[in-house]
């Protein structure tokens, strides 16, 4: 029995020694592998973040080129648009349409401005004044006349339901024949609007784009064709 006890006592150091030799080998390798894997995962994550940021910047630049957001700061389009409201303007027609209309006023492109649409524009070529929001009334090549409270195009009265029966008065630029790239614009609030009756026709180069959406306030949200 004593001999057995002695044998067990002798074997223990051998086992312990073997354990000491084997365990460091088994324990040392995995941290290196794990550390390398973590670095690889981190590089992959950073690359994905960088790619996402670049794509977001490119997308923002494209959207900013095609559309713009504007806050209305005057009352010239009441009662249909009010001061403080915010709209989205499409620049797509201006970017893609070389000749908006033929000289006879007929639309030459589906993206061209049409009568009755609302546009944001600069009143003069200097672009020094704040942009205005107005309704397109006369198209290139047409003759616009304002008399007796009525607007006529090429001698024919036009229907303006957005005025709610409001008469249109005029004291200057009351009869205008538009050139190939000119538009005649008016505010819906005719007695309180600075428009083509004051500064004359607006050229296509001075038109920023068409109002396609009113997004603020939310209870007045509306899409415009």
C-alpha atoms as a PDB file:
ATOM      1  CA  UNK A   1       0.000   0.000   0.000  1.00  0.00           C
ATOM      2  CA  UNK A   2       2.787   2.336   0.780  1.00  0.00           C
ATOM      3  CA  UNK A   3       4.406   1.470  -2.538  1.00  0.00           C
ATOM      4  CA  UNK A   4       1.158   2.352  -4.384  1.00  0.00           C
ATOM      5  CA  UNK A   5       1.015   5.610  -2.567  1.00  0.00           C
ATOM      6  CA  UNK A   6       4.574   6.326  -3.586  1.00  0.00           C
ATOM      7  CA  UNK A   7       3.797   5.499  -7.230  1.00  0.00           C
ATOM      8  CA  UNK A   8       0.885   7.952  -7.294  1.00  0.00           C
ATOM      9  CA  UNK A   9       3.037  10.555  -5.698  1.00  0.00           C
ATOM     10  CA  UNK A  10       5.684  10.096  -8.393  1.00  0.00           C
ATOM     11  CA  UNK A  11       3.187  10.243 -11.269  1.00  0.00           C
ATOM     12  CA  UNK A  12       1.708  13.515 -10.193  1.00  0.00           C
ATOM     13  CA  UNK A  13       4.717  15.653 -11.004  1.00  0.00           C
ATOM     14  CA  UNK A  14       4.930  14.069 -14.437  1.00  0.00           C
ATOM     15  CA  UNK A  15       1.310  14.903 -15.142  1.00  0.00           C
ATOM     16  CA  UNK A  16       1.789  18.356 -13.749  1.00  0.00           C
ATOM     17  CA  UNK A  17       4.887  18.833 -15.870  1.00  0.00           C
ATOM     18  CA  UNK A  18       3.064  17.613 -18.966  1.00  0.00           C
ATOM     19  CA  UNK A  19       0.238  19.974 -18.232  1.00  0.00           C
ATOM     20  CA  UNK A  20       2.619  22.822 -17.871  1.00  0.00           C
ATOM     21  CA  UNK A  21       4.116  22.017 -21.277  1.00  0.00           C
ATOM     22  CA  UNK A  22       0.875  21.499 -23.154  1.00  0.00           C
ATOM     23  CA  UNK A  23      -1.374  24.188 -21.673  1.00  0.00           C
ATOM     24  CA  UNK A  24       0.716  27.196 -22.658  1.00  0.00           C
ATOM     25  CA  UNK A  25       0.651  26.013 -26.275  1.00  0.00           C
ATOM     26  CA  UNK A  26      -3.116  25.576 -26.216  1.00  0.00           C
ATOM     27  CA  UNK A  27      -3.779  28.866 -24.458  1.00  0.00           C
ATOM     28  CA  UNK A  28      -1.324  31.124 -26.328  1.00  0.00           C
ATOM     29  CA  UNK A  29      -2.558  30.648 -29.915  1.00  0.00           C
ATOM     30  CA  UNK A  30      -6.258  31.522 -29.682  1.00  0.00           C
ATOM     31  CA  UNK A  31      -5.783  35.133 -28.455  1.00  0.00           C
ATOM     32  CA  UNK A  32      -3.655  35.898 -31.512  1.00  0.00           C
ATOM     33  CA  UNK A  33      -6.309  34.443 -33.823  1.00  0.00           C
ATOM     34  CA  UNK A  34      -9.121  36.252 -32.005  1.00  0.00           C
ATOM     35  CA  UNK A  35      -7.201  39.535 -32.053  1.00  0.00           C
ATOM     36  CA  UNK A  36      -6.564  39.254 -35.798  1.00  0.00           C
ATOM     37  CA  UNK A  37     -10.226  38.436 -36.412  1.00  0.00           C
ATOM     38  CA  UNK A  38     -11.343  41.446 -34.396  1.00  0.00           C
ATOM     39  CA  UNK A  39      -9.060  43.763 -36.391  1.00  0.00           C
ATOM     40  CA  UNK A  40     -10.408  42.358 -39.650  1.00  0.00           C
ATOM     41  CA  UNK A  41     -14.015  42.846 -38.490  1.00  0.00           C
ATOM     42  CA  UNK A  42     -13.231  46.400 -37.379  1.00  0.00           C
ATOM     43  CA  UNK A  43     -11.668  47.280 -40.746  1.00  0.00           C
ATOM     44  CA  UNK A  44     -14.691  45.826 -42.545  1.00  0.00           C
ATOM     45  CA  UNK A  45     -17.096  47.811 -40.356  1.00  0.00           C
ATOM     46  CA  UNK A  46     -15.150  51.040 -40.884  1.00  0.00           C
ATOM     47  CA  UNK A  47     -15.096  50.471 -44.638  1.00  0.00           C
ATOM     48  CA  UNK A  48     -18.870  49.942 -44.693  1.00  0.00           C
ATOM     49  CA  UNK A  49     -19.411  53.121 -42.650  1.00  0.00           C
ATOM     50  CA  UNK A  50     -17.155  55.114 -44.979  1.00  0.00           C
ATOM     51  CA  UNK A  51     -18.968  53.789 -48.052  1.00  0.00           C
ATOM     52  CA  UNK A  52     -22.336  54.635 -46.491  1.00  0.00           C
ATOM     53  CA  UNK A  53     -21.197  58.190 -45.707  1.00  0.00           C
ATOM     54  CA  UNK A  54     -19.913  58.706 -49.263  1.00  0.00           C
ATOM     55  CA  UNK A  55     -23.169  57.384 -50.747  1.00  0.00           C
ATOM     56  CA  UNK A  56     -25.194  59.626 -48.428  1.00  0.00           C
ATOM     57  CA  UNK A  57     -23.194  62.690 -49.501  1.00  0.00           C
ATOM     58  CA  UNK A  58     -23.631  61.820 -53.183  1.00  0.00           C
ATOM     59  CA  UNK A  59     -27.363  61.221 -52.720  1.00  0.00           C
ATOM     60  CA  UNK A  60     -27.754  64.516 -50.846  1.00  0.00           C
ATOM     61  CA  UNK A  61     -25.932  66.367 -53.631  1.00  0.00           C
ATOM     62  CA  UNK A  62     -28.181  64.813 -56.287  1.00  0.00           C
ATOM     63  CA  UNK A  63     -31.363  65.590 -54.361  1.00  0.00           C
ATOM     64  CA  UNK A  64     -30.194  69.157 -53.659  1.00  0.00           C
ATOM     65  CA  UNK A  65     -29.606  69.635 -57.385  1.00  0.00           C
ATOM     66  CA  UNK A  66     -33.044  68.349 -58.364  1.00  0.00           C
ATOM     67  CA  UNK A  67     -35.189  69.935 -55.636  1.00  0.00           C
ATOM     68  CA  UNK A  68     -35.094  72.855 -53.232  1.00  0.00           C
ATOM     69  CA  UNK A  69     -37.009  73.822 -50.098  1.00  0.00           C
ATOM     70  CA  UNK A  70     -38.398  77.324 -49.612  1.00  0.00           C
ATOM     71  CA  UNK A  71     -40.283  79.187 -46.926  1.00  0.00           C
ATOM     72  CA  UNK A  72     -42.956  81.643 -48.050  1.00  0.00           C
ATOM     73  CA  UNK A  73     -42.285  85.111 -46.670  1.00  0.00           C
ATOM     74  CA  UNK A  74     -45.059  87.169 -48.282  1.00  0.00           C
ATOM     75  CA  UNK A  75     -48.833  87.244 -48.696  1.00  0.00           C
ATOM     76  CA  UNK A  76     -48.985  87.538 -52.492  1.00  0.00           C
ATOM     77  CA  UNK A  77     -50.339  83.987 -52.978  1.00  0.00           C
ATOM     78  CA  UNK A  78     -53.097  84.077 -50.373  1.00  0.00           C
ATOM     79  CA  UNK A  79     -55.542  82.479 -49.872  1.00  0.00           C
ATOM     80  CA  UNK A  80     -53.865  79.436 -51.450  1.00  0.00           C
ATOM     81  CA  UNK A  81     -50.385  79.829 -49.923  1.00  0.00           C
ATOM     82  CA  UNK A  82     -49.761  81.670 -46.663  1.00  0.00           C
ATOM     83  CA  UNK A  83     -46.775  83.342 -45.085  1.00  0.00           C
ATOM     84  CA  UNK A  84     -44.675  80.881 -43.076  1.00  0.00           C
ATOM     85  CA  UNK A  85     -45.665  77.838 -45.098  1.00  0.00           C
ATOM     86  CA  UNK A  86     -42.913  75.734 -46.688  1.00  0.00           C
ATOM     87  CA  UNK A  87     -42.770  74.165 -50.119  1.00  0.00           C
ATOM     88  CA  UNK A  88     -40.597  71.857 -52.201  1.00  0.00           C
ATOM     89  CA  UNK A  89     -39.584  73.066 -55.659  1.00  0.00           C
ATOM     90  CA  UNK A  90     -38.586  70.771 -58.533  1.00  0.00           C
ATOM     91  CA  UNK A  91     -35.668  71.976 -60.667  1.00  0.00           C
ATOM     92  CA  UNK A  92     -35.911  68.990 -62.988  1.00  0.00           C
ATOM     93  CA  UNK A  93     -37.709  70.842 -65.774  1.00  0.00           C
ATOM     94  CA  UNK A  94     -35.137  73.622 -65.799  1.00  0.00           C
ATOM     95  CA  UNK A  95     -32.235  71.161 -65.898  1.00  0.00           C
ATOM     96  CA  UNK A  96     -33.600  68.892 -68.625  1.00  0.00           C
ATOM     97  CA  UNK A  97     -35.642  71.242 -70.806  1.00  0.00           C
ATOM     98  CA  UNK A  98     -33.650  73.331 -73.288  1.00  0.00           C
ATOM     99  CA  UNK A  99     -36.633  75.010 -74.991  1.00  0.00           C
ATOM    100  CA  UNK A 100     -39.632  75.189 -72.709  1.00  0.00           C
ATOM    101  CA  UNK A 101     -42.191  76.188 -75.344  1.00  0.00           C
ATOM    102  CA  UNK A 102     -42.479  76.917 -78.993  1.00  0.00           C
ATOM    103  CA  UNK A 103     -43.168  80.490 -80.041  1.00  0.00           C
ATOM    104  CA  UNK A 104     -46.884  79.783 -80.414  1.00  0.00           C
ATOM    105  CA  UNK A 105     -47.185  78.918 -76.742  1.00  0.00           C
ATOM    106  CA  UNK A 106     -47.621  75.189 -77.332  1.00  0.00           C
ATOM    107  CA  UNK A 107     -45.791  72.973 -74.858  1.00  0.00           C
ATOM    108  CA  UNK A 108     -42.637  71.524 -76.380  1.00  0.00           C
ATOM    109  CA  UNK A 109     -41.761  69.240 -73.467  1.00  0.00           C
ATOM    110  CA  UNK A 110     -43.705  67.380 -70.799  1.00  0.00           C
ATOM    111  CA  UNK A 111     -41.456  68.952 -68.151  1.00  0.00           C
ATOM    112  CA  UNK A 112     -42.137  72.521 -69.301  1.00  0.00           C
ATOM    113  CA  UNK A 113     -44.109  74.875 -67.081  1.00  0.00           C
ATOM    114  CA  UNK A 114     -47.831  74.930 -67.764  1.00  0.00           C
ATOM    115  CA  UNK A 115     -50.443  77.594 -67.223  1.00  0.00           C
ATOM    116  CA  UNK A 116     -51.810  77.539 -63.690  1.00  0.00           C
ATOM    117  CA  UNK A 117     -48.751  75.919 -62.126  1.00  0.00           C
ATOM    118  CA  UNK A 118     -47.007  77.682 -59.241  1.00  0.00           C
ATOM    119  CA  UNK A 119     -43.313  78.519 -59.590  1.00  0.00           C
ATOM    120  CA  UNK A 120     -40.504  80.035 -57.544  1.00  0.00           C
ATOM    121  CA  UNK A 121     -38.512  82.628 -59.478  1.00  0.00           C
ATOM    122  CA  UNK A 122     -36.278  85.663 -59.462  1.00  0.00           C
ATOM    123  CA  UNK A 123     -38.011  88.826 -60.734  1.00  0.00           C
ATOM    124  CA  UNK A 124     -34.888  90.085 -62.535  1.00  0.00           C
ATOM    125  CA  UNK A 125     -31.815  88.639 -64.226  1.00  0.00           C
ATOM    126  CA  UNK A 126     -29.541  89.989 -61.462  1.00  0.00           C
ATOM    127  CA  UNK A 127     -30.910  87.391 -58.987  1.00  0.00           C
ATOM    128  CA  UNK A 128     -30.178  89.879 -56.207  1.00  0.00           C
ATOM    129  CA  UNK A 129     -33.704  89.994 -54.796  1.00  0.00           C
ATOM    130  CA  UNK A 130     -35.199  87.197 -52.704  1.00  0.00           C
ATOM    131  CA  UNK A 131     -37.034  84.638 -54.874  1.00  0.00           C
ATOM    132  CA  UNK A 132     -40.804  85.023 -55.258  1.00  0.00           C
ATOM    133  CA  UNK A 133     -43.611  82.494 -55.495  1.00  0.00           C
ATOM    134  CA  UNK A 134     -46.091  83.177 -58.331  1.00  0.00           C
ATOM    135  CA  UNK A 135     -48.570  81.459 -60.623  1.00  0.00           C
ATOM    136  CA  UNK A 136     -47.742  80.963 -64.295  1.00  0.00           C
ATOM    137  CA  UNK A 137     -50.333  82.748 -66.451  1.00  0.00           C
ATOM    138  CA  UNK A 138     -48.826  83.490 -69.873  1.00  0.00           C
ATOM    139  CA  UNK A 139     -46.600  81.089 -71.838  1.00  0.00           C
ATOM    140  CA  UNK A 140     -43.931  81.918 -74.438  1.00  0.00           C
ATOM    141  CA  UNK A 141     -45.401  83.306 -77.675  1.00  0.00           C
ATOM    142  CA  UNK A 142     -48.759  84.225 -76.142  1.00  0.00           C
ATOM    143  CA  UNK A 143     -50.311  87.680 -75.841  1.00  0.00           C
ATOM    144  CA  UNK A 144     -51.518  88.465 -72.347  1.00  0.00           C
ATOM    145  CA  UNK A 145     -54.040  91.248 -71.797  1.00  0.00           C
ATOM    146  CA  UNK A 146     -55.576  92.442 -68.553  1.00  0.00           C
ATOM    147  CA  UNK A 147     -58.659  94.614 -68.839  1.00  0.00           C
ATOM    148  CA  UNK A 148     -61.890  95.100 -66.941  1.00  0.00           C
ATOM    149  CA  UNK A 149     -60.725  92.793 -64.149  1.00  0.00           C
ATOM    150  CA  UNK A 150     -60.209  89.867 -66.544  1.00  0.00           C
ATOM    151  CA  UNK A 151     -57.083  88.163 -67.915  1.00  0.00           C
ATOM    152  CA  UNK A 152     -57.205  87.055 -71.537  1.00  0.00           C
ATOM    153  CA  UNK A 153     -54.715  84.966 -73.510  1.00  0.00           C
ATOM    154  CA  UNK A 154     -54.653  85.572 -77.253  1.00  0.00           C
ATOM    155  CA  UNK A 155     -58.026  87.278 -76.921  1.00  0.00           C
ATOM    156  CA  UNK A 156     -59.666  84.463 -74.914  1.00  0.00           C
ATOM    157  CA  UNK A 157     -60.548  84.857 -71.207  1.00  0.00           C
ATOM    158  CA  UNK A 158     -58.957  82.235 -68.990  1.00  0.00           C
ATOM    159  CA  UNK A 159     -60.574  80.421 -66.083  1.00  0.00           C
ATOM    160  CA  UNK A 160     -58.900  81.113 -62.728  1.00  0.00           C
ATOM    161  CA  UNK A 161     -60.821  79.198 -60.027  1.00  0.00           C
ATOM    162  CA  UNK A 162     -58.007  79.762 -57.487  1.00  0.00           C
ATOM    163  CA  UNK A 163     -58.974  83.491 -57.335  1.00  0.00           C
ATOM    164  CA  UNK A 164     -62.394  82.794 -55.830  1.00  0.00           C
ATOM    165  CA  UNK A 165     -63.952  85.534 -57.967  1.00  0.00           C
ATOM    166  CA  UNK A 166     -61.283  88.166 -57.252  1.00  0.00           C
ATOM    167  CA  UNK A 167     -60.857  90.691 -60.088  1.00  0.00           C
ATOM    168  CA  UNK A 168     -57.448  91.413 -61.622  1.00  0.00           C
ATOM    169  CA  UNK A 169     -56.567  95.085 -61.882  1.00  0.00           C
ATOM    170  CA  UNK A 170     -53.661  96.399 -63.936  1.00  0.00           C
ATOM    171  CA  UNK A 171     -51.921  99.764 -64.369  1.00  0.00           C
ATOM    172  CA  UNK A 172     -48.800  98.816 -66.343  1.00  0.00           C
ATOM    173  CA  UNK A 173     -47.671  95.905 -68.519  1.00  0.00           C
ATOM    174  CA  UNK A 174     -51.354  95.266 -69.149  1.00  0.00           C
ATOM    175  CA  UNK A 175     -50.877  93.982 -72.707  1.00  0.00           C
ATOM    176  CA  UNK A 176     -47.740  91.942 -73.345  1.00  0.00           C
ATOM    177  CA  UNK A 177     -46.716  89.621 -76.164  1.00  0.00           C
ATOM    178  CA  UNK A 178     -44.237  87.129 -74.745  1.00  0.00           C
ATOM    179  CA  UNK A 179     -41.022  86.096 -76.437  1.00  0.00           C
ATOM    180  CA  UNK A 180     -39.848  82.487 -76.992  1.00  0.00           C
ATOM    181  CA  UNK A 181     -38.526  82.085 -73.435  1.00  0.00           C
ATOM    182  CA  UNK A 182     -40.727  84.494 -71.488  1.00  0.00           C
ATOM    183  CA  UNK A 183     -43.492  83.880 -68.947  1.00  0.00           C
ATOM    184  CA  UNK A 184     -46.123  86.171 -67.470  1.00  0.00           C
ATOM    185  CA  UNK A 185     -46.662  85.468 -63.766  1.00  0.00           C
ATOM    186  CA  UNK A 186     -49.203  86.775 -61.260  1.00  0.00           C
ATOM    187  CA  UNK A 187     -49.872  86.316 -57.563  1.00  0.00           C
ATOM    188  CA  UNK A 188     -53.197  84.864 -56.446  1.00  0.00           C
ATOM    189  CA  UNK A 189     -53.640  87.804 -54.071  1.00  0.00           C
ATOM    190  CA  UNK A 190     -53.933  90.196 -57.030  1.00  0.00           C
ATOM    191  CA  UNK A 191     -54.363  93.467 -55.050  1.00  0.00           C
ATOM    192  CA  UNK A 192     -51.240  92.700 -52.976  1.00  0.00           C
ATOM    193  CA  UNK A 193     -48.792  91.073 -55.348  1.00  0.00           C
ATOM    194  CA  UNK A 194     -45.562  92.216 -56.945  1.00  0.00           C
ATOM    195  CA  UNK A 195     -45.597  90.347 -60.246  1.00  0.00           C
ATOM    196  CA  UNK A 196     -45.326  90.707 -64.035  1.00  0.00           C
ATOM    197  CA  UNK A 197     -47.626  93.707 -63.892  1.00  0.00           C
ATOM    198  CA  UNK A 198     -44.737  95.479 -62.146  1.00  0.00           C
ATOM    199  CA  UNK A 199     -41.477  93.893 -63.303  1.00  0.00           C
ATOM    200  CA  UNK A 200     -42.672  92.535 -66.641  1.00  0.00           C
ATOM    201  CA  UNK A 201     -42.255  89.056 -68.141  1.00  0.00           C
ATOM    202  CA  UNK A 202     -39.871  86.580 -66.533  1.00  0.00           C
ATOM    203  CA  UNK A 203     -37.382  84.672 -68.656  1.00  0.00           C
ATOM    204  CA  UNK A 204     -36.884  80.927 -68.264  1.00  0.00           C
ATOM    205  CA  UNK A 205     -33.391  81.534 -66.840  1.00  0.00           C
ATOM    206  CA  UNK A 206     -34.919  83.354 -63.880  1.00  0.00           C
ATOM    207  CA  UNK A 207     -37.312  80.552 -62.937  1.00  0.00           C
ATOM    208  CA  UNK A 208     -35.944  78.268 -60.235  1.00  0.00           C
ATOM    209  CA  UNK A 209     -38.604  75.608 -60.606  1.00  0.00           C
ATOM    210  CA  UNK A 210     -42.142  74.411 -60.083  1.00  0.00           C
ATOM    211  CA  UNK A 211     -43.752  73.970 -56.671  1.00  0.00           C
ATOM    212  CA  UNK A 212     -44.552  70.264 -56.315  1.00  0.00           C
ATOM    213  CA  UNK A 213     -45.250  69.924 -52.595  1.00  0.00           C
ATOM    214  CA  UNK A 214     -46.354  71.932 -49.593  1.00  0.00           C
ATOM    215  CA  UNK A 215     -44.981  70.075 -46.584  1.00  0.00           C
ATOM    216  CA  UNK A 216     -45.503  72.564 -43.756  1.00  0.00           C
ATOM    217  CA  UNK A 217     -47.700  72.903 -41.823  1.00  0.00           C
ATOM    218  CA  UNK A 218     -48.515  69.212 -41.825  1.00  0.00           C
ATOM    219  CA  UNK A 219     -52.270  69.781 -41.808  1.00  0.00           C
ATOM    220  CA  UNK A 220     -51.863  71.675 -45.117  1.00  0.00           C
ATOM    221  CA  UNK A 221     -49.764  68.980 -46.782  1.00  0.00           C
ATOM    222  CA  UNK A 222     -50.517  68.932 -50.517  1.00  0.00           C
ATOM    223  CA  UNK A 223     -48.949  67.632 -53.722  1.00  0.00           C
ATOM    224  CA  UNK A 224     -49.115  69.793 -56.865  1.00  0.00           C
ATOM    225  CA  UNK A 225     -49.017  68.319 -60.391  1.00  0.00           C
END
